C-alpha atoms as a PDB file:
ATOM      1  CA  MET A   1      61.313  51.325  69.928  1.00  0.00           C
ATOM      2  CA  ALA A   2      64.316  53.292  71.174  1.00  0.00           C
ATOM      3  CA  THR A   3      63.199  56.437  72.997  1.00  0.00           C
ATOM      4  CA  ASP A   4      64.713  59.700  74.128  1.00  0.00           C
ATOM      5  CA  ILE A   5      62.878  59.369  77.453  1.00  0.00           C
ATOM      6  CA  LEU A   6      61.199  56.431  79.177  1.00  0.00           C
ATOM      7  CA  CYS A   7      59.036  57.289  82.201  1.00  0.00           C
ATOM      8  CA  LEU A   8      58.030  54.774  84.884  1.00  0.00           C
ATOM      9  CA  GLY A   9      55.432  55.167  87.612  1.00  0.00           C
ATOM     10  CA  GLU A  10      51.737  55.241  88.457  1.00  0.00           C
ATOM     11  CA  PRO A  11      49.175  57.112  86.372  1.00  0.00           C
ATOM     12  CA  MET A  12      45.947  57.966  88.188  1.00  0.00           C
ATOM     13  CA  LEU A  13      42.594  59.123  86.918  1.00  0.00           C
ATOM     14  CA  GLU A  14      41.576  62.428  88.503  1.00  0.00           C
ATOM     15  CA  PHE A  15      38.078  63.546  89.511  1.00  0.00           C
ATOM     16  CA  ASN A  16      38.155  67.288  90.213  1.00  0.00           C
ATOM     17  CA  GLN A  17      35.244  68.888  92.058  1.00  0.00           C
ATOM     18  CA  GLN A  18      33.548  71.656  90.111  1.00  0.00           C
ATOM     19  CA  PRO A  19      31.545  74.615  91.490  1.00  0.00           C
ATOM     20  CA  ASP A  20      28.276  72.762  90.808  1.00  0.00           C
ATOM     21  CA  GLY A  21      29.439  69.811  92.921  1.00  0.00           C
ATOM     22  CA  ASN A  22      30.014  67.463  90.014  1.00  0.00           C
ATOM     23  CA  TYR A  23      33.425  65.945  89.354  1.00  0.00           C
ATOM     24  CA  LEU A  24      35.350  66.532  86.158  1.00  0.00           C
ATOM     25  CA  PRO A  25      37.450  63.539  85.073  1.00  0.00           C
ATOM     26  CA  GLY A  26      41.055  64.093  84.025  1.00  0.00           C
ATOM     27  CA  HIS A  27      44.443  62.412  83.956  1.00  0.00           C
ATOM     28  CA  GLY A  28      47.121  62.661  86.637  1.00  0.00           C
ATOM     29  CA  GLY A  29      50.209  60.922  87.911  1.00  0.00           C
ATOM     30  CA  ASP A  30      53.546  62.704  88.023  1.00  0.00           C
ATOM     31  CA  THR A  31      55.627  60.671  85.593  1.00  0.00           C
ATOM     32  CA  SER A  32      52.714  60.279  83.168  1.00  0.00           C
ATOM     33  CA  ASN A  33      52.311  64.058  83.147  1.00  0.00           C
ATOM     34  CA  ALA A  34      56.045  64.440  82.536  1.00  0.00           C
ATOM     35  CA  ALA A  35      55.851  61.987  79.635  1.00  0.00           C
ATOM     36  CA  CYS A  36      53.070  64.007  78.000  1.00  0.00           C
ATOM     37  CA  ALA A  37      54.990  67.261  78.518  1.00  0.00           C
ATOM     38  CA  ALA A  38      58.149  65.819  76.952  1.00  0.00           C
ATOM     39  CA  ALA A  39      56.196  64.477  73.980  1.00  0.00           C
ATOM     40  CA  ARG A  40      54.671  67.923  73.402  1.00  0.00           C
ATOM     41  CA  GLN A  41      58.219  69.310  73.165  1.00  0.00           C
ATOM     42  CA  GLY A  42      59.014  66.886  70.360  1.00  0.00           C
ATOM     43  CA  ALA A  43      60.887  64.179  72.283  1.00  0.00           C
ATOM     44  CA  SER A  44      60.278  60.497  71.590  1.00  0.00           C
ATOM     45  CA  VAL A  45      58.761  59.195  74.816  1.00  0.00           C
ATOM     46  CA  GLY A  46      57.540  55.883  76.200  1.00  0.00           C
ATOM     47  CA  TYR A  47      55.842  54.858  79.425  1.00  0.00           C
ATOM     48  CA  VAL A  48      56.287  51.838  81.696  1.00  0.00           C
ATOM     49  CA  THR A  49      53.517  50.787  84.082  1.00  0.00           C
ATOM     50  CA  LEU A  50      50.771  48.309  84.832  1.00  0.00           C
ATOM     51  CA  LEU A  51      47.165  49.457  84.434  1.00  0.00           C
ATOM     52  CA  GLY A  52      43.914  47.812  85.358  1.00  0.00           C
ATOM     53  CA  LYS A  53      41.985  46.135  82.596  1.00  0.00           C
ATOM     54  CA  ASP A  54      39.223  48.671  83.150  1.00  0.00           C
ATOM     55  CA  ALA A  55      37.713  51.824  81.665  1.00  0.00           C
ATOM     56  CA  PHE A  56      40.188  54.044  83.510  1.00  0.00           C
ATOM     57  CA  GLY A  57      43.130  52.063  82.145  1.00  0.00           C
ATOM     58  CA  ASP A  58      41.621  52.305  78.654  1.00  0.00           C
ATOM     59  CA  SER A  59      41.357  56.071  79.119  1.00  0.00           C
ATOM     60  CA  PHE A  60      45.087  56.344  79.822  1.00  0.00           C
ATOM     61  CA  MET A  61      45.965  54.223  76.811  1.00  0.00           C
ATOM     62  CA  GLN A  62      43.926  56.621  74.666  1.00  0.00           C
ATOM     63  CA  LEU A  63      45.502  59.692  76.295  1.00  0.00           C
ATOM     64  CA  TRP A  64      49.020  58.459  75.563  1.00  0.00           C
ATOM     65  CA  ARG A  65      48.135  57.565  71.985  1.00  0.00           C
ATOM     66  CA  ASP A  66      46.687  61.056  71.524  1.00  0.00           C
ATOM     67  CA  GLU A  67      49.807  62.654  73.029  1.00  0.00           C
ATOM     68  CA  GLY A  68      52.262  60.572  71.019  1.00  0.00           C
ATOM     69  CA  VAL A  69      53.589  58.591  74.003  1.00  0.00           C
ATOM     70  CA  ASP A  70      54.581  55.025  73.078  1.00  0.00           C
ATOM     71  CA  THR A  71      52.512  52.428  74.986  1.00  0.00           C
ATOM     72  CA  SER A  72      54.284  49.248  73.888  1.00  0.00           C
ATOM     73  CA  THR A  73      55.752  48.896  77.406  1.00  0.00           C
ATOM     74  CA  VAL A  74      52.393  49.309  79.192  1.00  0.00           C
ATOM     75  CA  ARG A  75      50.365  46.247  80.233  1.00  0.00           C
ATOM     76  CA  GLN A  76      46.760  46.092  81.396  1.00  0.00           C
ATOM     77  CA  ILE A  77      46.108  43.354  83.939  1.00  0.00           C
ATOM     78  CA  SER A  78      43.059  41.736  85.504  1.00  0.00           C
ATOM     79  CA  GLY A  79      42.511  41.634  89.243  1.00  0.00           C
ATOM     80  CA  ALA A  80      43.952  45.055  90.146  1.00  0.00           C
ATOM     81  CA  PRO A  81      42.406  48.452  89.337  1.00  0.00           C
ATOM     82  CA  THR A  82      43.797  51.643  87.873  1.00  0.00           C
ATOM     83  CA  GLY A  83      44.315  54.128  90.728  1.00  0.00           C
ATOM     84  CA  ILE A  84      42.060  57.174  91.100  1.00  0.00           C
ATOM     85  CA  TYR A  85      41.974  60.301  93.231  1.00  0.00           C
ATOM     86  CA  PHE A  86      39.495  63.049  94.008  1.00  0.00           C
ATOM     87  CA  VAL A  87      40.220  66.760  94.366  1.00  0.00           C
ATOM     88  CA  THR A  88      37.801  68.664  96.599  1.00  0.00           C
ATOM     89  CA  HIS A  89      37.724  72.407  97.212  1.00  0.00           C
ATOM     90  CA  GLY A  90      36.847  74.297 100.363  1.00  0.00           C
ATOM     91  CA  PRO A  91      37.747  77.314 102.517  1.00  0.00           C
ATOM     92  CA  GLU A  92      41.180  75.823 103.276  1.00  0.00           C
ATOM     93  CA  GLY A  93      41.964  75.330  99.578  1.00  0.00           C
ATOM     94  CA  HIS A  94      42.014  72.047  97.704  1.00  0.00           C
ATOM     95  CA  ALA A  95      42.432  68.580  99.210  1.00  0.00           C
ATOM     96  CA  PHE A  96      43.307  65.229  97.667  1.00  0.00           C
ATOM     97  CA  SER A  97      41.684  61.872  98.462  1.00  0.00           C
ATOM     98  CA  TYR A  98      43.528  58.887  96.988  1.00  0.00           C
ATOM     99  CA  TYR A  99      42.150  55.446  96.132  1.00  0.00           C
ATOM    100  CA  ARG A 100      45.295  53.664  95.017  1.00  0.00           C
ATOM    101  CA  SER A 101      45.707  50.843  97.551  1.00  0.00           C
ATOM    102  CA  ASN A 102      46.510  47.601  95.687  1.00  0.00           C
ATOM    103  CA  SER A 103      46.358  49.401  92.348  1.00  0.00           C
ATOM    104  CA  ALA A 104      47.754  47.688  89.269  1.00  0.00           C
ATOM    105  CA  ALA A 105      50.843  49.929  89.255  1.00  0.00           C
ATOM    106  CA  SER A 106      51.584  49.140  92.904  1.00  0.00           C
ATOM    107  CA  THR A 107      51.930  45.441  91.998  1.00  0.00           C
ATOM    108  CA  MET A 108      54.881  46.127  89.661  1.00  0.00           C
ATOM    109  CA  ARG A 109      57.836  43.811  90.249  1.00  0.00           C
ATOM    110  CA  PRO A 110      61.329  43.796  88.723  1.00  0.00           C
ATOM    111  CA  GLU A 111      60.399  40.869  86.475  1.00  0.00           C
ATOM    112  CA  ASP A 112      57.695  43.041  84.871  1.00  0.00           C
ATOM    113  CA  LEU A 113      60.275  45.433  83.414  1.00  0.00           C
ATOM    114  CA  PRO A 114      60.781  45.780  79.638  1.00  0.00           C
ATOM    115  CA  VAL A 115      64.534  45.188  79.724  1.00  0.00           C
ATOM    116  CA  GLU A 116      65.308  45.883  76.065  1.00  0.00           C
ATOM    117  CA  ALA A 117      63.372  49.153  76.036  1.00  0.00           C
ATOM    118  CA  LEU A 118      65.232  50.281  79.151  1.00  0.00           C
ATOM    119  CA  LYS A 119      68.582  49.424  77.578  1.00  0.00           C
ATOM    120  CA  GLU A 120      67.729  51.486  74.494  1.00  0.00           C
ATOM    121  CA  THR A 121      66.446  54.702  76.090  1.00  0.00           C
ATOM    122  CA  LYS A 122      68.590  57.813  76.513  1.00  0.00           C
ATOM    123  CA  ILE A 123      66.953  58.852  79.809  1.00  0.00           C
ATOM    124  CA  LEU A 124      64.869  56.970  82.383  1.00  0.00           C
ATOM    125  CA  HIS A 125      62.642  59.264  84.472  1.00  0.00           C
ATOM    126  CA  VAL A 126      61.293  58.098  87.846  1.00  0.00           C
ATOM    127  CA  SER A 127      60.198  59.746  91.086  1.00  0.00           C
ATOM    128  CA  GLY A 128      59.710  59.340  94.787  1.00  0.00           C
ATOM    129  CA  ILE A 129      56.077  58.493  94.136  1.00  0.00           C
ATOM    130  CA  SER A 130      57.170  55.705  91.779  1.00  0.00           C
ATOM    131  CA  GLN A 131      58.921  54.120  94.774  1.00  0.00           C
ATOM    132  CA  ALA A 132      56.450  55.062  97.522  1.00  0.00           C
ATOM    133  CA  ILE A 133      53.419  53.142  96.279  1.00  0.00           C
ATOM    134  CA  SER A 134      54.744  49.723  97.397  1.00  0.00           C
ATOM    135  CA  ALA A 135      57.897  47.864  98.369  1.00  0.00           C
ATOM    136  CA  SER A 136      57.818  45.908  95.109  1.00  0.00           C
ATOM    137  CA  ALA A 137      57.483  49.134  93.107  1.00  0.00           C
ATOM    138  CA  ALA A 138      60.499  50.566  94.962  1.00  0.00           C
ATOM    139  CA  ASP A 139      62.494  47.461  94.043  1.00  0.00           C
ATOM    140  CA  THR A 140      61.295  47.737  90.450  1.00  0.00           C
ATOM    141  CA  VAL A 141      62.563  51.308  90.178  1.00  0.00           C
ATOM    142  CA  PHE A 142      65.972  50.327  91.561  1.00  0.00           C
ATOM    143  CA  GLU A 143      66.194  47.495  89.025  1.00  0.00           C
ATOM    144  CA  ALA A 144      65.168  49.804  86.174  1.00  0.00           C
ATOM    145  CA  ILE A 145      67.834  52.318  87.222  1.00  0.00           C
ATOM    146  CA  ASP A 146      70.494  49.608  87.253  1.00  0.00           C
ATOM    147  CA  ILE A 147      69.484  48.338  83.803  1.00  0.00           C
ATOM    148  CA  VAL A 148      69.610  51.814  82.254  1.00  0.00           C
ATOM    149  CA  LYS A 149      72.909  52.714  83.919  1.00  0.00           C
ATOM    150  CA  GLY A 150      74.402  49.397  82.866  1.00  0.00           C
ATOM    151  CA  ALA A 151      73.518  50.145  79.258  1.00  0.00           C
ATOM    152  CA  GLY A 152      75.055  53.631  79.369  1.00  0.00           C
ATOM    153  CA  GLY A 153      71.831  55.630  79.665  1.00  0.00           C
ATOM    154  CA  MET A 154      71.028  58.447  82.072  1.00  0.00           C
ATOM    155  CA  VAL A 155      68.608  58.426  84.997  1.00  0.00           C
ATOM    156  CA  SER A 156      66.456  61.360  86.127  1.00  0.00           C
ATOM    157  CA  TYR A 157      64.774  61.468  89.539  1.00  0.00           C
ATOM    158  CA  ASP A 158      62.154  63.883  90.878  1.00  0.00           C
ATOM    159  CA  THR A 159      61.875  63.617  94.668  1.00  0.00           C
ATOM    160  CA  ASN A 160      58.092  64.292  94.631  1.00  0.00           C
ATOM    161  CA  LEU A 161      57.759  63.581  98.330  1.00  0.00           C
ATOM    162  CA  ARG A 162      54.299  62.422  99.474  1.00  0.00           C
ATOM    163  CA  LEU A 163      54.288  61.797 103.217  1.00  0.00           C
ATOM    164  CA  LYS A 164      50.788  60.289 103.029  1.00  0.00           C
ATOM    165  CA  LEU A 165      52.402  57.381 101.182  1.00  0.00           C
ATOM    166  CA  TRP A 166      55.356  56.640 103.450  1.00  0.00           C
ATOM    167  CA  PRO A 167      57.095  57.940 106.597  1.00  0.00           C
ATOM    168  CA  LEU A 168      59.864  60.498 106.220  1.00  0.00           C
ATOM    169  CA  ALA A 169      62.598  58.180 107.501  1.00  0.00           C
ATOM    170  CA  ARG A 170      61.828  55.557 104.850  1.00  0.00           C
ATOM    171  CA  ALA A 171      61.419  58.199 102.157  1.00  0.00           C
ATOM    172  CA  ARG A 172      64.815  59.640 102.992  1.00  0.00           C
ATOM    173  CA  ALA A 173      66.502  56.231 102.962  1.00  0.00           C
ATOM    174  CA  VAL A 174      65.022  55.143  99.622  1.00  0.00           C
ATOM    175  CA  ILE A 175      65.247  58.485  97.810  1.00  0.00           C
ATOM    176  CA  HIS A 176      68.816  59.175  98.952  1.00  0.00           C
ATOM    177  CA  GLU A 177      69.872  55.681  97.841  1.00  0.00           C
ATOM    178  CA  ALA A 178      68.205  56.158  94.451  1.00  0.00           C
ATOM    179  CA  MET A 179      69.889  59.531  94.034  1.00  0.00           C
ATOM    180  CA  THR A 180      73.330  57.922  94.442  1.00  0.00           C
ATOM    181  CA  ARG A 181      72.616  56.107  91.164  1.00  0.00           C
ATOM    182  CA  CYS A 182      71.100  59.036  89.254  1.00  0.00           C
ATOM    183  CA  ASP A 183      72.536  61.554  86.816  1.00  0.00           C
ATOM    184  CA  ILE A 184      69.818  64.213  86.957  1.00  0.00           C
ATOM    185  CA  ALA A 185      68.317  65.334  90.282  1.00  0.00           C
ATOM    186  CA  LEU A 186      65.047  67.283  90.039  1.00  0.00           C
ATOM    187  CA  PRO A 187      64.051  68.215  93.605  1.00  0.00           C
ATOM    188  CA  GLY A 188      61.510  70.858  94.540  1.00  0.00           C
ATOM    189  CA  LEU A 189      62.383  73.179  97.408  1.00  0.00           C
ATOM    190  CA  ASP A 190      59.631  72.028  99.815  1.00  0.00           C
ATOM    191  CA  ASP A 191      60.535  68.363  99.265  1.00  0.00           C
ATOM    192  CA  ALA A 192      64.230  69.066  99.649  1.00  0.00           C
ATOM    193  CA  ILE A 193      63.779  70.893 102.959  1.00  0.00           C
ATOM    194  CA  HIS A 194      62.148  67.770 104.431  1.00  0.00           C
ATOM    195  CA  LEU A 195      64.625  65.365 102.846  1.00  0.00           C
ATOM    196  CA  THR A 196      67.872  67.215 103.499  1.00  0.00           C
ATOM    197  CA  GLY A 197      67.084  69.108 106.706  1.00  0.00           C
ATOM    198  CA  THR A 198      68.188  72.477 105.307  1.00  0.00           C
ATOM    199  CA  ASP A 199      66.274  75.313 103.661  1.00  0.00           C
ATOM    200  CA  ASP A 200      69.373  76.829 102.035  1.00  0.00           C
ATOM    201  CA  PRO A 201      69.126  76.270  98.244  1.00  0.00           C
ATOM    202  CA  GLU A 202      72.917  76.327  97.836  1.00  0.00           C
ATOM    203  CA  LYS A 203      73.349  73.620 100.478  1.00  0.00           C
ATOM    204  CA  ILE A 204      70.547  71.557  98.919  1.00  0.00           C
ATOM    205  CA  VAL A 205      72.308  71.614  95.544  1.00  0.00           C
ATOM    206  CA  ASP A 206      75.549  70.666  97.318  1.00  0.00           C
ATOM    207  CA  PHE A 207      73.748  67.763  98.992  1.00  0.00           C
ATOM    208  CA  TYR A 208      72.504  66.196  95.757  1.00  0.00           C
ATOM    209  CA  LEU A 209      75.771  66.770  93.931  1.00  0.00           C
ATOM    210  CA  GLY A 210      77.415  65.065  96.900  1.00  0.00           C
ATOM    211  CA  LEU A 211      75.207  62.022  96.411  1.00  0.00           C
ATOM    212  CA  GLY A 212      76.544  61.736  92.869  1.00  0.00           C
ATOM    213  CA  ALA A 213      74.208  63.673  90.558  1.00  0.00           C
ATOM    214  CA  LYS A 214      75.906  65.185  87.504  1.00  0.00           C
ATOM    215  CA  MET A 215      73.309  67.970  87.366  1.00  0.00           C
ATOM    216  CA  VAL A 216      70.822  69.307  89.900  1.00  0.00           C
ATOM    217  CA  ALA A 217      67.864  71.520  88.984  1.00  0.00           C
ATOM    218  CA  LEU A 218      66.306  72.751  92.240  1.00  0.00           C
ATOM    219  CA  THR A 219      62.961  74.348  91.418  1.00  0.00           C
ATOM    220  CA  LEU A 220      62.050  77.402  93.492  1.00  0.00           C
ATOM    221  CA  GLY A 221      58.540  78.123  92.233  1.00  0.00           C
ATOM    222  CA  ALA A 222      58.029  81.480  90.553  1.00  0.00           C
ATOM    223  CA  LYS A 223      61.608  82.482  91.411  1.00  0.00           C
ATOM    224  CA  GLY A 224      62.996  79.985  88.911  1.00  0.00           C
ATOM    225  CA  THR A 225      65.597  77.239  89.216  1.00  0.00           C
ATOM    226  CA  LEU A 226      68.980  76.953  90.881  1.00  0.00           C
ATOM    227  CA  VAL A 227      71.020  74.730  88.577  1.00  0.00           C
ATOM    228  CA  GLY A 228      74.261  73.153  89.668  1.00  0.00           C
ATOM    229  CA  THR A 229      76.886  70.858  88.181  1.00  0.00           C
ATOM    230  CA  PRO A 230      80.202  69.852  89.741  1.00  0.00           C
ATOM    231  CA  SER A 231      81.876  72.744  87.888  1.00  0.00           C
ATOM    232  CA  ASP A 232      79.238  75.498  87.584  1.00  0.00           C
ATOM    233  CA  ARG A 233      76.153  76.931  89.290  1.00  0.00           C
ATOM    234  CA  ARG A 234      73.605  79.479  88.094  1.00  0.00           C
ATOM    235  CA  MET A 235      70.235  80.876  89.102  1.00  0.00           C
ATOM    236  CA  ILE A 236      67.872  80.710  86.129  1.00  0.00           C
ATOM    237  CA  GLY A 237      65.056  83.199  86.722  1.00  0.00           C
ATOM    238  CA  GLY A 238      61.400  82.270  86.330  1.00  0.00           C
ATOM    239  CA  ARG A 239      59.058  83.785  83.753  1.00  0.00           C
ATOM    240  CA  LYS A 240      56.158  85.980  84.884  1.00  0.00           C
ATOM    241  CA  VAL A 241      52.624  84.987  83.937  1.00  0.00           C
ATOM    242  CA  LYS A 242      49.185  85.293  85.514  1.00  0.00           C
ATOM    243  CA  PRO A 243      48.641  81.757  86.852  1.00  0.00           C
ATOM    244  CA  VAL A 244      45.224  80.219  87.365  1.00  0.00           C
ATOM    245  CA  ASP A 245      46.175  76.617  88.282  1.00  0.00           C
ATOM    246  CA  ALA A 246      49.604  75.190  89.082  1.00  0.00           C
ATOM    247  CA  THR A 247      48.481  71.558  88.809  1.00  0.00           C
ATOM    248  CA  GLY A 248      51.132  69.633  86.901  1.00  0.00           C
ATOM    249  CA  ALA A 249      53.517  72.575  86.560  1.00  0.00           C
ATOM    250  CA  GLY A 250      56.362  70.648  88.178  1.00  0.00           C
ATOM    251  CA  ASP A 251      55.748  67.678  85.906  1.00  0.00           C
ATOM    252  CA  THR A 252      55.662  69.997  82.885  1.00  0.00           C
ATOM    253  CA  TYR A 253      59.013  71.323  84.062  1.00  0.00           C
ATOM    254  CA  ASP A 254      60.461  67.812  84.305  1.00  0.00           C
ATOM    255  CA  GLY A 255      59.318  66.685  80.875  1.00  0.00           C
ATOM    256  CA  SER A 256      60.404  69.914  79.221  1.00  0.00           C
ATOM    257  CA  PHE A 257      63.811  69.916  80.953  1.00  0.00           C
ATOM    258  CA  LEU A 258      64.485  66.314  79.965  1.00  0.00           C
ATOM    259  CA  SER A 259      63.384  66.902  76.375  1.00  0.00           C
ATOM    260  CA  ARG A 260      66.070  69.572  76.053  1.00  0.00           C
ATOM    261  CA  ILE A 261      68.743  67.443  77.753  1.00  0.00           C
ATOM    262  CA  ALA A 262      67.907  64.621  75.314  1.00  0.00           C
ATOM    263  CA  ALA A 263      68.235  67.125  72.453  1.00  0.00           C
ATOM    264  CA  GLY A 264      71.746  68.078  73.607  1.00  0.00           C
ATOM    265  CA  ASP A 265      71.214  71.276  75.608  1.00  0.00           C
ATOM    266  CA  ASP A 266      73.284  71.943  78.720  1.00  0.00           C
ATOM    267  CA  PRO A 267      71.318  71.988  82.024  1.00  0.00           C
ATOM    268  CA  PHE A 268      71.269  75.800  82.175  1.00  0.00           C
ATOM    269  CA  GLU A 269      69.679  76.092  78.718  1.00  0.00           C
ATOM    270  CA  ALA A 270      67.308  73.252  79.595  1.00  0.00           C
ATOM    271  CA  ALA A 271      66.239  75.018  82.799  1.00  0.00           C
ATOM    272  CA  ARG A 272      65.553  78.280  80.970  1.00  0.00           C
ATOM    273  CA  TYR A 273      63.312  76.394  78.550  1.00  0.00           C
ATOM    274  CA  ALA A 274      61.605  74.375  81.304  1.00  0.00           C
ATOM    275  CA  ASN A 275      60.925  77.481  83.406  1.00  0.00           C
ATOM    276  CA  ALA A 276      59.063  78.960  80.450  1.00  0.00           C
ATOM    277  CA  ALA A 277      57.103  75.776  79.737  1.00  0.00           C
ATOM    278  CA  ALA A 278      56.081  75.383  83.385  1.00  0.00           C
ATOM    279  CA  ALA A 279      54.984  79.014  83.583  1.00  0.00           C
ATOM    280  CA  LEU A 280      52.808  78.653  80.488  1.00  0.00           C
ATOM    281  CA  SER A 281      51.212  75.488  81.894  1.00  0.00           C
ATOM    282  CA  THR A 282      49.797  77.431  84.865  1.00  0.00           C
ATOM    283  CA  GLN A 283      47.574  79.525  82.598  1.00  0.00           C
ATOM    284  CA  GLY A 284      44.982  76.768  82.186  1.00  0.00           C
ATOM    285  CA  TYR A 285      43.209  74.234  84.385  1.00  0.00           C
ATOM    286  CA  GLY A 286      44.300  70.647  84.923  1.00  0.00           C
ATOM    287  CA  ALA A 287      47.591  68.816  84.494  1.00  0.00           C
ATOM    288  CA  VAL A 288      47.791  67.823  80.832  1.00  0.00           C
ATOM    289  CA  ALA A 289      45.436  70.085  78.882  1.00  0.00           C
ATOM    290  CA  PRO A 290      47.324  73.392  79.401  1.00  0.00           C
ATOM    291  CA  MET A 291      50.799  71.977  78.741  1.00  0.00           C
ATOM    292  CA  PRO A 292      52.403  74.080  76.000  1.00  0.00           C
ATOM    293  CA  ARG A 293      53.903  72.714  72.821  1.00  0.00           C
ATOM    294  CA  LYS A 294      57.396  73.462  71.612  1.00  0.00           C
ATOM    295  CA  ALA A 295      56.335  76.308  69.301  1.00  0.00           C
ATOM    296  CA  ASP A 296      54.483  78.002  72.181  1.00  0.00           C
ATOM    297  CA  VAL A 297      57.519  77.817  74.465  1.00  0.00           C
ATOM    298  CA  GLU A 298      59.882  79.092  71.791  1.00  0.00           C
ATOM    299  CA  ALA A 299      57.585  82.029  71.024  1.00  0.00           C
ATOM    300  CA  PHE A 300      57.342  82.853  74.748  1.00  0.00           C
ATOM    301  CA  LEU A 301      61.127  82.774  75.095  1.00  0.00           C
ATOM    302  CA  ALA A 302      61.599  84.907  71.996  1.00  0.00           C
ATOM    303  CA  ASP A 303      59.307  87.530  73.508  1.00  0.00           C
ATOM    304  CA  ALA A 304      61.550  87.922  76.576  1.00  0.00           C
END
């Protein structure tokens, strides 16, 4: 099936510590979250990954079916598990413990890619995490980018830097190289400071435009987004809400932004919409559950 957006990466089952000490299961993984967010905005979305042939993999297949994300390009395999992580809470805040070594997604190789689906999508969305989980996954992302670009599609990249997964020097080399092939750069400010060596938002936007991006949406938290193209640049202010949990807000932003680009909006309109969607997503707990739907975002924007 031809899609507006095809996301590639590693979904992970989440176990989040509750006040009583028990762990609440949920769904995580940056590009999976973005896929769900885009589908809730009305985009046609598919996902590309390998899952374990286990209960956690089955849970993701059910999640995507429930959210309207096409799973025809997902395979469940024997011999490698679906990744999981735990979130614990203490005086220093929350901490993450990952159990993803040798996960099914980390075994992805270029020959596993659904070539026809990639050729038919409008936008491929990948991230730094998609490339950090293994050398073969990094190669797979590069191959996917080349297939999509060769067919005339667009590529979106969220830096999503995780220094627990790889050293900064390697992250810089791989992410910068990927960005030279991408159309849409979606860095967050904290990531970009590490990757570019500057904390000046204007210079960060210049950096990614210099690598070849046609549009850069640099997210600045509650302040909003600095959006740049080769010919224009604007600060798109954030929307005020009373947040309770920012888990998945950046992924909600990505999926919402890309849904509007796929629908024909310019990047400034898309950022205004995505700022609103991300703000609304912080008003509930977890990554996927509080993601707003299109009608909710439109009503929020109309109330500005």
